[in-house]
Protein backbone atom coordinates (compact mmCIF):
# COMPACT_ATOMS: atom_id res chain seq x y z
CA MET A 1 132.94 99.21 -37.60
CA ARG A 2 133.24 102.83 -38.42
CA HIS A 3 136.15 104.53 -37.08
CA ASP A 4 134.41 107.14 -35.17
CA ILE A 5 132.25 104.47 -33.53
CA ALA A 6 135.14 102.85 -32.44
CA ASN A 7 136.56 106.06 -30.79
CA ARG A 8 133.33 106.98 -29.15
CA ALA A 9 133.47 103.55 -27.68
CA ALA A 10 136.96 103.89 -26.22
CA LEU A 11 136.35 107.03 -24.82
CA SER A 12 132.81 105.85 -23.24
CA CYS A 13 135.05 103.18 -21.75
CA GLU A 14 137.35 105.32 -20.27
CA GLU A 15 134.63 107.62 -18.71
CA ILE A 16 132.49 104.57 -17.27
CA LEU A 17 135.93 103.42 -15.56
CA ALA A 18 136.59 107.30 -14.05
CA ILE A 19 132.88 107.22 -13.11
CA LEU A 20 133.16 104.20 -11.31
CA ARG A 21 136.61 105.14 -9.48
CA GLN A 22 135.11 108.61 -8.50
CA SER A 23 131.72 107.77 -7.31
CA GLY A 24 133.52 104.41 -5.07
CA SER A 25 130.44 102.32 -6.69
CA ILE A 26 132.84 99.68 -7.45
CA ASN A 27 134.00 97.01 -5.17
CA GLY A 28 135.92 94.59 -7.14
CA PRO A 29 137.09 93.88 -10.74
CA ALA A 30 134.98 94.77 -13.29
CA THR A 31 134.24 92.46 -16.44
CA LEU A 32 133.80 93.91 -19.90
CA ILE A 33 131.57 92.41 -22.54
CA ALA A 34 131.54 93.52 -26.34
CA GLU A 35 128.86 92.50 -28.75
CA PHE A 36 128.73 93.39 -32.37
CA GLU A 37 125.63 92.63 -34.17
CA GLU A 38 124.59 93.82 -37.84
CA ASN A 39 123.62 97.41 -37.15
CA HIS A 40 124.46 98.02 -33.11
CA PHE A 41 127.69 97.89 -31.00
CA THR A 42 127.12 97.26 -27.23
CA LEU A 43 129.57 97.49 -24.33
CA THR A 44 128.31 95.93 -21.08
CA PHE A 45 130.53 96.43 -17.97
CA ASP A 46 129.55 94.00 -15.13
CA TYR A 47 130.78 94.69 -11.85
CA PRO A 48 130.55 94.42 -8.17
CA GLY A 49 128.77 97.23 -6.70
CA ASP A 50 126.11 99.64 -6.39
CA GLU A 51 124.02 100.52 -9.65
CA LEU A 52 124.48 103.79 -10.67
CA SER A 53 122.13 106.21 -12.23
CA PHE A 54 122.91 108.04 -15.40
CA ARG A 55 120.13 110.48 -15.87
CA PRO A 56 121.46 113.72 -17.00
CA LYS A 57 121.42 116.13 -14.07
CA PRO A 58 122.10 119.94 -13.85
CA ILE A 59 125.49 120.78 -12.64
CA ASP A 60 126.16 123.48 -10.48
CA PRO A 61 129.24 125.41 -11.17
CA SER A 62 129.56 126.52 -7.67
CA ARG A 63 130.33 123.08 -6.25
CA PHE A 64 133.57 123.43 -8.17
CA PHE A 65 134.96 125.65 -5.52
CA GLU A 66 133.54 123.97 -2.57
CA THR A 67 136.60 122.61 -0.81
CA THR A 68 136.71 119.44 1.73
CA ASP A 69 139.39 117.59 3.02
CA ASP A 70 138.67 114.63 0.85
CA ASN A 71 137.83 115.82 -2.56
CA THR A 72 134.11 114.48 -2.16
CA ALA A 73 132.10 117.82 -3.63
CA LEU A 74 134.69 117.99 -6.40
CA ASP A 75 134.25 114.01 -6.97
CA ASN A 76 130.64 114.14 -6.95
CA VAL A 77 130.91 117.01 -9.82
CA MET A 78 132.89 115.23 -11.91
CA VAL A 79 130.80 112.51 -11.86
CA LYS A 80 127.92 114.43 -13.22
CA VAL A 81 130.10 115.80 -15.78
CA SER A 82 131.20 112.42 -16.96
CA ALA A 83 127.55 111.17 -17.11
CA GLN A 84 126.77 114.27 -19.50
CA LEU A 85 129.77 113.38 -21.36
CA LEU A 86 128.68 109.99 -21.73
CA HIS A 87 125.31 110.66 -23.26
CA SER A 88 126.76 112.64 -25.72
CA LEU A 89 129.38 109.97 -26.48
CA THR A 90 126.71 106.80 -26.75
CA ASP A 91 123.21 106.32 -28.62
CA GLN A 92 122.32 104.48 -25.05
CA VAL A 93 122.89 104.26 -21.73
CA LYS A 94 120.93 101.41 -19.64
CA THR A 95 122.09 100.45 -15.96
CA GLU A 96 120.67 97.31 -13.84
CA LYS A 97 121.17 95.10 -10.77
CA ARG A 98 121.87 91.63 -10.90
CA ASN A 99 122.22 89.89 -7.68
CA ASN A 100 125.54 91.11 -6.15
CA HIS A 101 126.44 92.74 -9.61
CA SER A 102 125.54 95.83 -11.42
CA CYS A 103 125.75 96.39 -15.15
CA ILE A 104 125.88 99.38 -17.23
CA THR A 105 125.54 99.02 -21.07
CA LEU A 106 126.52 101.49 -23.76
CA GLY A 107 124.92 100.94 -27.06
CA PHE A 108 126.24 102.30 -30.39
CA ILE A 109 124.29 102.16 -33.72
CA VAL A 110 126.76 101.29 -36.48
């Protein structure tokens, strides 16, 4: 696997973990499944919790300056920023709900 693909995959893992933590969508430990085929590398995060949406959404910069006691507004903005970054790092992002678990699948063309 090319070095740049490995770097993008590692950064994507960091972003997924940040998104799950900031969104409060994860209710237990996550499992990471890596699959490599001839032209495709896939990372799947399987976790107990709510399915997340990674559709790119506009970011309102004024939301950075909203203050709350629990930083909810800032956390919500940071989840959107991380989702935007995730789309830049990967070739494909898919989400799905499976029984009590949700899955986030990241695809990379190698």
